[in-house]
C-alpha atoms as a PDB file:
ATOM      1  CA  MET A   1       0.000   0.000   0.000  1.00  0.00           C
ATOM      2  CA  LYS A   2       1.281   3.452  -0.911  1.00  0.00           C
ATOM      3  CA  ASN A   3       2.013   6.012   1.790  1.00  0.00           C
ATOM      4  CA  ILE A   4      -1.302   7.863   1.656  1.00  0.00           C
ATOM      5  CA  LYS A   5      -1.320  11.411   3.044  1.00  0.00           C
ATOM      6  CA  MET A   6      -4.500  12.805   1.523  1.00  0.00           C
ATOM      7  CA  ILE A   7      -8.049  11.536   0.937  1.00  0.00           C
ATOM      8  CA  VAL A   8     -10.196  13.105  -1.787  1.00  0.00           C
ATOM      9  CA  THR A   9     -13.812  12.116  -2.234  1.00  0.00           C
ATOM     10  CA  ASP A  10     -16.742  13.091  -4.388  1.00  0.00           C
ATOM     11  CA  LEU A  11     -19.999  13.575  -2.466  1.00  0.00           C
ATOM     12  CA  ASP A  12     -23.150  12.501  -4.350  1.00  0.00           C
ATOM     13  CA  GLY A  13     -23.140   8.789  -5.023  1.00  0.00           C
ATOM     14  CA  THR A  14     -19.846   8.455  -3.162  1.00  0.00           C
ATOM     15  CA  TYR A  15     -19.408   9.792   0.381  1.00  0.00           C
ATOM     16  CA  LEU A  16     -23.100  10.675   0.673  1.00  0.00           C
ATOM     17  CA  ARG A  17     -25.698   7.960   0.879  1.00  0.00           C
ATOM     18  CA  THR A  18     -28.552   8.050  -1.628  1.00  0.00           C
ATOM     19  CA  ASP A  19     -30.742   9.843   0.912  1.00  0.00           C
ATOM     20  CA  LYS A  20     -28.019  12.564   1.127  1.00  0.00           C
ATOM     21  CA  THR A  21     -26.949  11.632   4.648  1.00  0.00           C
ATOM     22  CA  ILE A  22     -23.557  10.713   6.083  1.00  0.00           C
ATOM     23  CA  SER A  23     -23.519   7.811   8.520  1.00  0.00           C
ATOM     24  CA  GLU A  24     -21.957   8.062  11.963  1.00  0.00           C
ATOM     25  CA  TYR A  25     -19.632   5.249  10.904  1.00  0.00           C
ATOM     26  CA  SER A  26     -18.337   7.287   7.946  1.00  0.00           C
ATOM     27  CA  ARG A  27     -17.849  10.355  10.137  1.00  0.00           C
ATOM     28  CA  LYS A  28     -15.988   8.270  12.720  1.00  0.00           C
ATOM     29  CA  ILE A  29     -13.604   6.764  10.163  1.00  0.00           C
ATOM     30  CA  ILE A  30     -12.825  10.142   8.603  1.00  0.00           C
ATOM     31  CA  THR A  31     -12.149  11.611  12.040  1.00  0.00           C
ATOM     32  CA  GLU A  32      -9.763   8.764  12.817  1.00  0.00           C
ATOM     33  CA  CYS A  33      -7.945   9.275   9.519  1.00  0.00           C
ATOM     34  CA  ARG A  34      -7.617  13.020  10.147  1.00  0.00           C
ATOM     35  CA  ASN A  35      -6.370  12.356  13.671  1.00  0.00           C
ATOM     36  CA  LYS A  36      -3.596  10.286  12.086  1.00  0.00           C
ATOM     37  CA  GLY A  37      -2.562  13.296   9.997  1.00  0.00           C
ATOM     38  CA  LEU A  38      -4.306  12.534   6.697  1.00  0.00           C
ATOM     39  CA  LEU A  39      -5.933  15.482   4.943  1.00  0.00           C
ATOM     40  CA  PHE A  40      -9.597  15.080   4.032  1.00  0.00           C
ATOM     41  CA  ILE A  41     -10.711  16.936   0.886  1.00  0.00           C
ATOM     42  CA  ILE A  42     -14.188  16.941  -0.640  1.00  0.00           C
ATOM     43  CA  ALA A  43     -14.508  17.395  -4.401  1.00  0.00           C
ATOM     44  CA  THR A  44     -18.010  18.046  -5.662  1.00  0.00           C
ATOM     45  CA  ALA A  45     -20.007  19.647  -8.439  1.00  0.00           C
ATOM     46  CA  ARG A  46     -22.247  21.094  -5.727  1.00  0.00           C
ATOM     47  CA  PRO A  47     -22.203  24.775  -4.745  1.00  0.00           C
ATOM     48  CA  ILE A  48     -21.035  25.875  -1.299  1.00  0.00           C
ATOM     49  CA  ARG A  49     -24.553  26.347   0.092  1.00  0.00           C
ATOM     50  CA  ALA A  50     -25.602  22.820  -0.912  1.00  0.00           C
ATOM     51  CA  VAL A  51     -22.873  21.237   1.226  1.00  0.00           C
ATOM     52  CA  LYS A  52     -23.561  23.128   4.438  1.00  0.00           C
ATOM     53  CA  ASP A  53     -26.637  21.009   5.247  1.00  0.00           C
ATOM     54  CA  PHE A  54     -24.525  17.939   5.994  1.00  0.00           C
ATOM     55  CA  LEU A  55     -20.902  19.117   6.361  1.00  0.00           C
ATOM     56  CA  SER A  56     -19.472  22.054   8.260  1.00  0.00           C
ATOM     57  CA  GLU A  57     -16.114  23.591   7.393  1.00  0.00           C
ATOM     58  CA  SER A  58     -14.599  21.844  10.416  1.00  0.00           C
ATOM     59  CA  ASP A  59     -15.483  18.463   8.882  1.00  0.00           C
ATOM     60  CA  TYR A  60     -12.893  18.751   6.095  1.00  0.00           C
ATOM     61  CA  ASP A  61      -9.490  20.289   5.451  1.00  0.00           C
ATOM     62  CA  GLY A  62     -10.293  21.581   1.989  1.00  0.00           C
ATOM     63  CA  ALA A  63     -13.152  21.682  -0.477  1.00  0.00           C
ATOM     64  CA  ILE A  64     -13.482  21.755  -4.254  1.00  0.00           C
ATOM     65  CA  PHE A  65     -16.881  23.139  -5.283  1.00  0.00           C
ATOM     66  CA  HIS A  66     -18.405  23.355  -8.769  1.00  0.00           C
ATOM     67  CA  ASN A  67     -15.782  20.820  -9.967  1.00  0.00           C
ATOM     68  CA  GLY A  68     -13.012  23.320  -9.216  1.00  0.00           C
ATOM     69  CA  ALA A  69     -14.552  26.671 -10.069  1.00  0.00           C
ATOM     70  CA  VAL A  70     -14.352  27.473  -6.340  1.00  0.00           C
ATOM     71  CA  VAL A  71     -11.676  26.001  -4.046  1.00  0.00           C
ATOM     72  CA  LYS A  72     -11.371  26.612  -0.306  1.00  0.00           C
ATOM     73  CA  LEU A  73      -9.009  25.533   2.453  1.00  0.00           C
ATOM     74  CA  GLY A  74     -11.082  25.520   5.610  1.00  0.00           C
ATOM     75  CA  ASP A  75     -13.201  28.660   5.387  1.00  0.00           C
ATOM     76  CA  GLU A  76     -10.658  30.617   3.314  1.00  0.00           C
ATOM     77  CA  PRO A  77     -10.769  30.994  -0.502  1.00  0.00           C
ATOM     78  CA  PHE A  78      -7.801  29.281  -2.146  1.00  0.00           C
ATOM     79  CA  SER A  79      -8.320  29.390  -5.919  1.00  0.00           C
ATOM     80  CA  GLY A  80     -10.956  29.106  -8.611  1.00  0.00           C
ATOM     81  CA  PHE A  81     -11.864  29.678 -12.239  1.00  0.00           C
ATOM     82  CA  GLY A  82     -15.184  31.101 -13.395  1.00  0.00           C
ATOM     83  CA  ILE A  83     -17.004  31.903 -16.642  1.00  0.00           C
ATOM     84  CA  PRO A  84     -16.756  35.502 -17.905  1.00  0.00           C
ATOM     85  CA  ASN A  85     -19.799  37.059 -19.635  1.00  0.00           C
ATOM     86  CA  PRO A  86     -22.263  34.258 -18.789  1.00  0.00           C
ATOM     87  CA  GLY A  87     -25.180  36.264 -20.209  1.00  0.00           C
ATOM     88  CA  LYS A  88     -23.577  36.345 -23.655  1.00  0.00           C
ATOM     89  CA  ILE A  89     -23.040  32.577 -23.680  1.00  0.00           C
ATOM     90  CA  ILE A  90     -26.617  31.936 -22.585  1.00  0.00           C
ATOM     91  CA  SER A  91     -27.895  34.173 -25.383  1.00  0.00           C
ATOM     92  CA  ILE A  92     -25.930  32.166 -27.976  1.00  0.00           C
ATOM     93  CA  LEU A  93     -27.276  28.876 -26.600  1.00  0.00           C
ATOM     94  CA  GLN A  94     -30.874  30.104 -26.534  1.00  0.00           C
ATOM     95  CA  ASP A  95     -30.684  31.522 -30.055  1.00  0.00           C
ATOM     96  CA  ALA A  96     -29.621  28.090 -31.320  1.00  0.00           C
ATOM     97  CA  HIS A  97     -32.051  26.176 -29.091  1.00  0.00           C
ATOM     98  CA  PRO A  98     -35.190  28.243 -28.356  1.00  0.00           C
ATOM     99  CA  GLY A  99     -36.923  27.247 -25.141  1.00  0.00           C
ATOM    100  CA  LEU A 100     -33.723  25.788 -23.682  1.00  0.00           C
ATOM    101  CA  HIS A 101     -33.826  25.349 -19.897  1.00  0.00           C
ATOM    102  CA  VAL A 102     -30.749  27.046 -18.454  1.00  0.00           C
ATOM    103  CA  SER A 103     -29.500  27.646 -14.924  1.00  0.00           C
ATOM    104  CA  VAL A 104     -26.541  29.666 -13.685  1.00  0.00           C
ATOM    105  CA  GLU A 105     -24.572  29.243 -10.471  1.00  0.00           C
ATOM    106  CA  MET A 106     -23.260  32.664  -9.525  1.00  0.00           C
ATOM    107  CA  GLN A 107     -22.211  34.165  -6.188  1.00  0.00           C
ATOM    108  CA  ASP A 108     -23.582  31.040  -4.481  1.00  0.00           C
ATOM    109  CA  ARG A 109     -27.087  31.566  -5.892  1.00  0.00           C
ATOM    110  CA  LEU A 110     -28.973  29.658  -8.591  1.00  0.00           C
ATOM    111  CA  TYR A 111     -30.554  31.684 -11.416  1.00  0.00           C
ATOM    112  CA  VAL A 112     -32.947  29.810 -13.738  1.00  0.00           C
ATOM    113  CA  ASN A 113     -35.463  30.360 -16.535  1.00  0.00           C
ATOM    114  CA  PHE A 114     -37.610  27.359 -15.502  1.00  0.00           C
ATOM    115  CA  ASP A 115     -38.814  25.519 -12.404  1.00  0.00           C
ATOM    116  CA  PRO A 116     -35.887  23.228 -11.502  1.00  0.00           C
ATOM    117  CA  GLY A 117     -37.865  21.153  -8.988  1.00  0.00           C
ATOM    118  CA  ASN A 118     -37.829  18.054 -11.205  1.00  0.00           C
ATOM    119  CA  ILE A 119     -34.003  18.094 -11.110  1.00  0.00           C
ATOM    120  CA  TRP A 120     -33.215  19.433  -7.624  1.00  0.00           C
ATOM    121  CA  GLU A 121     -36.099  18.912  -5.229  1.00  0.00           C
ATOM    122  CA  GLY A 122     -36.646  21.744  -2.763  1.00  0.00           C
ATOM    123  CA  ILE A 123     -33.835  23.922  -4.074  1.00  0.00           C
ATOM    124  CA  GLU A 124     -33.965  27.705  -3.705  1.00  0.00           C
ATOM    125  CA  TYR A 125     -33.667  29.664  -6.945  1.00  0.00           C
ATOM    126  CA  THR A 126     -34.175  33.027  -8.597  1.00  0.00           C
ATOM    127  CA  LEU A 127     -36.370  33.053 -11.717  1.00  0.00           C
ATOM    128  CA  THR A 128     -34.884  35.268 -14.424  1.00  0.00           C
ATOM    129  CA  ASP A 129     -34.518  35.896 -18.150  1.00  0.00           C
ATOM    130  CA  PHE A 130     -30.770  36.409 -17.499  1.00  0.00           C
ATOM    131  CA  THR A 131     -30.835  40.117 -18.386  1.00  0.00           C
ATOM    132  CA  ASP A 132     -30.511  40.992 -14.690  1.00  0.00           C
ATOM    133  CA  LEU A 133     -27.636  38.718 -13.667  1.00  0.00           C
ATOM    134  CA  PRO A 134     -25.231  40.275 -11.144  1.00  0.00           C
ATOM    135  CA  PHE A 135     -21.915  41.599 -12.419  1.00  0.00           C
ATOM    136  CA  GLY A 136     -19.018  39.159 -12.474  1.00  0.00           C
ATOM    137  CA  GLU A 137     -18.139  35.610 -13.438  1.00  0.00           C
ATOM    138  CA  ALA A 138     -20.434  32.613 -13.130  1.00  0.00           C
ATOM    139  CA  ASP A 139     -19.202  29.469 -11.405  1.00  0.00           C
ATOM    140  CA  LYS A 140     -20.945  27.265 -13.962  1.00  0.00           C
ATOM    141  CA  LEU A 141     -23.867  27.016 -16.375  1.00  0.00           C
ATOM    142  CA  LEU A 142     -26.211  24.022 -16.414  1.00  0.00           C
ATOM    143  CA  LEU A 143     -28.421  22.747 -19.225  1.00  0.00           C
ATOM    144  CA  GLU A 144     -30.924  19.927 -19.122  1.00  0.00           C
ATOM    145  CA  ALA A 145     -29.418  16.875 -20.853  1.00  0.00           C
ATOM    146  CA  ALA A 146     -30.366  13.223 -20.556  1.00  0.00           C
ATOM    147  CA  SER A 147     -27.418  11.670 -22.401  1.00  0.00           C
ATOM    148  CA  VAL A 148     -23.931  12.303 -23.764  1.00  0.00           C
ATOM    149  CA  GLU A 149     -25.441  12.682 -27.245  1.00  0.00           C
ATOM    150  CA  ASP A 150     -27.892  15.251 -25.944  1.00  0.00           C
ATOM    151  CA  MET A 151     -25.056  17.164 -24.295  1.00  0.00           C
ATOM    152  CA  LYS A 152     -22.913  17.212 -27.430  1.00  0.00           C
ATOM    153  CA  ARG A 153     -25.500  19.373 -29.238  1.00  0.00           C
ATOM    154  CA  TYR A 154     -24.300  22.354 -27.247  1.00  0.00           C
ATOM    155  CA  GLU A 155     -20.550  21.777 -27.452  1.00  0.00           C
ATOM    156  CA  PRO A 156     -19.936  23.556 -30.813  1.00  0.00           C
ATOM    157  CA  LEU A 157     -21.533  26.746 -29.443  1.00  0.00           C
ATOM    158  CA  LEU A 158     -19.094  27.191 -26.582  1.00  0.00           C
ATOM    159  CA  PRO A 159     -15.960  29.378 -26.479  1.00  0.00           C
ATOM    160  CA  GLN A 160     -12.680  27.469 -26.541  1.00  0.00           C
ATOM    161  CA  ASP A 161     -11.928  28.223 -22.901  1.00  0.00           C
ATOM    162  CA  LEU A 162     -15.025  26.346 -21.681  1.00  0.00           C
ATOM    163  CA  TYR A 163     -15.917  22.659 -21.522  1.00  0.00           C
ATOM    164  CA  ILE A 164     -19.161  20.749 -21.065  1.00  0.00           C
ATOM    165  CA  GLN A 165     -19.686  17.566 -19.054  1.00  0.00           C
ATOM    166  CA  LEU A 166     -22.673  15.347 -18.296  1.00  0.00           C
ATOM    167  CA  SER A 167     -23.669  14.785 -14.671  1.00  0.00           C
ATOM    168  CA  GLU A 168     -25.914  11.914 -13.533  1.00  0.00           C
ATOM    169  CA  ASN A 169     -27.605  11.838 -16.970  1.00  0.00           C
ATOM    170  CA  THR A 170     -29.612  14.854 -15.870  1.00  0.00           C
ATOM    171  CA  VAL A 171     -27.705  18.045 -16.592  1.00  0.00           C
ATOM    172  CA  ALA A 172     -24.826  19.199 -18.743  1.00  0.00           C
ATOM    173  CA  MET A 173     -22.410  21.371 -16.786  1.00  0.00           C
ATOM    174  CA  ILE A 174     -20.504  24.114 -18.604  1.00  0.00           C
ATOM    175  CA  MET A 175     -17.340  25.311 -16.876  1.00  0.00           C
ATOM    176  CA  ASN A 176     -14.019  27.020 -17.361  1.00  0.00           C
ATOM    177  CA  LYS A 177     -11.491  24.489 -18.706  1.00  0.00           C
ATOM    178  CA  LYS A 178      -9.297  25.266 -15.713  1.00  0.00           C
ATOM    179  CA  ALA A 179     -12.147  24.338 -13.341  1.00  0.00           C
ATOM    180  CA  GLU A 180     -11.491  20.619 -13.007  1.00  0.00           C
ATOM    181  CA  LYS A 181     -11.363  18.482  -9.929  1.00  0.00           C
ATOM    182  CA  MET A 182      -7.902  17.066 -10.625  1.00  0.00           C
ATOM    183  CA  ARG A 183      -6.374  20.476 -11.252  1.00  0.00           C
ATOM    184  CA  ALA A 184      -7.716  21.648  -7.897  1.00  0.00           C
ATOM    185  CA  VAL A 185      -6.510  18.462  -6.202  1.00  0.00           C
ATOM    186  CA  LYS A 186      -2.997  19.093  -7.537  1.00  0.00           C
ATOM    187  CA  GLU A 187      -3.057  22.704  -6.321  1.00  0.00           C
ATOM    188  CA  ILE A 188      -4.080  21.662  -2.813  1.00  0.00           C
ATOM    189  CA  ALA A 189      -1.535  18.831  -2.769  1.00  0.00           C
ATOM    190  CA  ALA A 190       1.261  21.175  -3.875  1.00  0.00           C
ATOM    191  CA  HIS A 191       0.288  23.628  -1.126  1.00  0.00           C
ATOM    192  CA  TYR A 192       0.809  20.866   1.441  1.00  0.00           C
ATOM    193  CA  GLN A 193       3.845  19.412  -0.375  1.00  0.00           C
ATOM    194  CA  ILE A 194       2.030  16.157  -1.077  1.00  0.00           C
ATOM    195  CA  ASP A 195       2.714  14.142  -4.227  1.00  0.00           C
ATOM    196  CA  PRO A 196      -0.350  12.978  -6.236  1.00  0.00           C
ATOM    197  CA  GLU A 197       0.909   9.411  -5.712  1.00  0.00           C
ATOM    198  CA  GLU A 198       0.230   9.926  -2.004  1.00  0.00           C
ATOM    199  CA  ILE A 199      -3.490  10.580  -2.574  1.00  0.00           C
ATOM    200  CA  VAL A 200      -6.427   8.166  -2.630  1.00  0.00           C
ATOM    201  CA  ALA A 201      -9.485   9.421  -4.531  1.00  0.00           C
ATOM    202  CA  PHE A 202     -13.065   8.115  -4.558  1.00  0.00           C
ATOM    203  CA  GLY A 203     -15.761   8.764  -7.171  1.00  0.00           C
ATOM    204  CA  ASP A 204     -18.676   7.465  -9.194  1.00  0.00           C
ATOM    205  CA  ASP A 205     -19.363   9.734 -12.195  1.00  0.00           C
ATOM    206  CA  TYR A 206     -17.823  11.230 -15.349  1.00  0.00           C
ATOM    207  CA  ASN A 207     -16.443  14.270 -13.543  1.00  0.00           C
ATOM    208  CA  ASP A 208     -14.435  11.991 -11.222  1.00  0.00           C
ATOM    209  CA  MET A 209     -12.594  10.075 -13.932  1.00  0.00           C
ATOM    210  CA  GLU A 210      -9.541  12.307 -14.313  1.00  0.00           C
ATOM    211  CA  MET A 211      -9.222  12.539 -10.531  1.00  0.00           C
ATOM    212  CA  LEU A 212      -9.262   8.769 -10.105  1.00  0.00           C
ATOM    213  CA  GLN A 213      -6.667   8.352 -12.852  1.00  0.00           C
ATOM    214  CA  GLY A 214      -4.420  11.162 -11.613  1.00  0.00           C
ATOM    215  CA  CYS A 215      -4.124  10.147  -7.963  1.00  0.00           C
ATOM    216  CA  GLY A 216      -1.987   7.373  -6.523  1.00  0.00           C
ATOM    217  CA  ILE A 217      -5.008   5.158  -5.904  1.00  0.00           C
ATOM    218  CA  GLY A 218      -8.335   5.669  -7.674  1.00  0.00           C
ATOM    219  CA  VAL A 219     -11.292   3.877  -6.092  1.00  0.00           C
ATOM    220  CA  ALA A 220     -14.661   3.617  -7.838  1.00  0.00           C
ATOM    221  CA  MET A 221     -17.874   2.983  -5.960  1.00  0.00           C
ATOM    222  CA  GLU A 222     -19.771  -0.211  -6.694  1.00  0.00           C
ATOM    223  CA  ASN A 223     -22.628   2.050  -7.838  1.00  0.00           C
ATOM    224  CA  ALA A 224     -20.351   4.024 -10.189  1.00  0.00           C
ATOM    225  CA  ILE A 225     -20.989   4.187 -13.916  1.00  0.00           C
ATOM    226  CA  ASP A 226     -19.194   1.461 -15.861  1.00  0.00           C
ATOM    227  CA  ASP A 227     -16.655   3.843 -17.433  1.00  0.00           C
ATOM    228  CA  VAL A 228     -15.478   4.905 -13.981  1.00  0.00           C
ATOM    229  CA  LYS A 229     -15.199   1.341 -12.688  1.00  0.00           C
ATOM    230  CA  ARG A 230     -13.194   0.278 -15.742  1.00  0.00           C
ATOM    231  CA  LEU A 231     -10.468   2.881 -15.210  1.00  0.00           C
ATOM    232  CA  ALA A 232     -10.280   2.721 -11.396  1.00  0.00           C
ATOM    233  CA  ASP A 233      -7.537   0.847  -9.582  1.00  0.00           C
ATOM    234  CA  GLU A 234     -10.080  -0.671  -7.211  1.00  0.00           C
ATOM    235  CA  VAL A 235     -13.842  -0.858  -6.614  1.00  0.00           C
ATOM    236  CA  CYS A 236     -15.256  -0.512  -3.097  1.00  0.00           C
ATOM    237  CA  ALA A 237     -18.737  -1.083  -1.679  1.00  0.00           C
ATOM    238  CA  ASP A 238     -21.523   1.221  -2.817  1.00  0.00           C
ATOM    239  CA  ASN A 239     -22.344   4.566  -1.230  1.00  0.00           C
ATOM    240  CA  ASP A 240     -25.280   3.191   0.779  1.00  0.00           C
ATOM    241  CA  ALA A 241     -22.917   0.634   2.324  1.00  0.00           C
ATOM    242  CA  ASP A 242     -20.393   3.355   3.337  1.00  0.00           C
ATOM    243  CA  GLY A 243     -17.894   2.177   0.761  1.00  0.00           C
ATOM    244  CA  VAL A 244     -15.473   5.080   1.258  1.00  0.00           C
ATOM    245  CA  ALA A 245     -15.250   4.567   5.013  1.00  0.00           C
ATOM    246  CA  GLY A 246     -15.032   0.797   4.671  1.00  0.00           C
ATOM    247  CA  TRP A 247     -12.115   1.044   2.248  1.00  0.00           C
ATOM    248  CA  LEU A 248     -10.289   3.535   4.469  1.00  0.00           C
ATOM    249  CA  GLU A 249     -10.784   1.419   7.581  1.00  0.00           C
ATOM    250  CA  GLN A 250      -9.460  -1.688   5.851  1.00  0.00           C
ATOM    251  CA  HIS A 251      -6.572  -0.206   3.874  1.00  0.00           C
ATOM    252  CA  ILE A 252      -5.499   2.765   5.988  1.00  0.00           C
ATOM    253  CA  LEU A 253      -6.518   2.325   9.623  1.00  0.00           C
ATOM    254  CA  ASN A 254      -6.254  -1.467   9.941  1.00  0.00           C
ATOM    255  CA  ALA A 255      -3.056  -1.515   7.869  1.00  0.00           C
ATOM    256  CA  ALA A 256      -1.510   1.001  10.259  1.00  0.00           C
ATOM    257  CA  LYS A 257      -2.401  -1.207  13.243  1.00  0.00           C
ATOM    258  CA  GLU A 258      -0.765  -4.227  11.608  1.00  0.00           C
ATOM    259  CA  ALA A 259       2.416  -2.369  10.640  1.00  0.00           C
END
């Protein structure tokens, strides 16, 4: 087993159970790992506000939000890469696809031109035609998309500095090309003088693939999409069976006791 100094985990479908809770067992194992000096980093497509319901800033050492558009160490901003002129990009997309459902994450608020309840139940949002967006960069744009083929319809309309990625076969996320989980992981690791080979990463979806490949050990959840499981070094139990915590207890905590 490699000398692991940092744990990075996706949230939905990975560290979180399907009901969006974190078990006491998972919390206990992470606390034990942190007490042994391992850094615990969350890496999610979620915005900051959508994590606060189940994790406080004291529960992790660093956080990658919006796939890397916003990165924090504790409660302090660390880095990030947004989307300039989001209104202009939305206009181009809507001209090509009239009636397109679009949402914008900006300044930790969600702006939409439709009711997003069928995608994110109970979420707070601001209904808009996007002419009144606040000044500044957006963290990401989201379009309804049910497949990779559906998503690819929008790709030719995007500026070269942006990329688009499918999430949970529900939405297509548009982000700055520099806003990627693995890039953020490397920045945090460099800050703490940790080599990527000394990191174990957990994930289940398309936006976790580069992270699992780029870290020393990439672990896919049993419930992960097939593409993720094929490229991972290992597969652990599913998220509802606390697969992240189980793997860490077996390979990190128990291994340390036996050494």
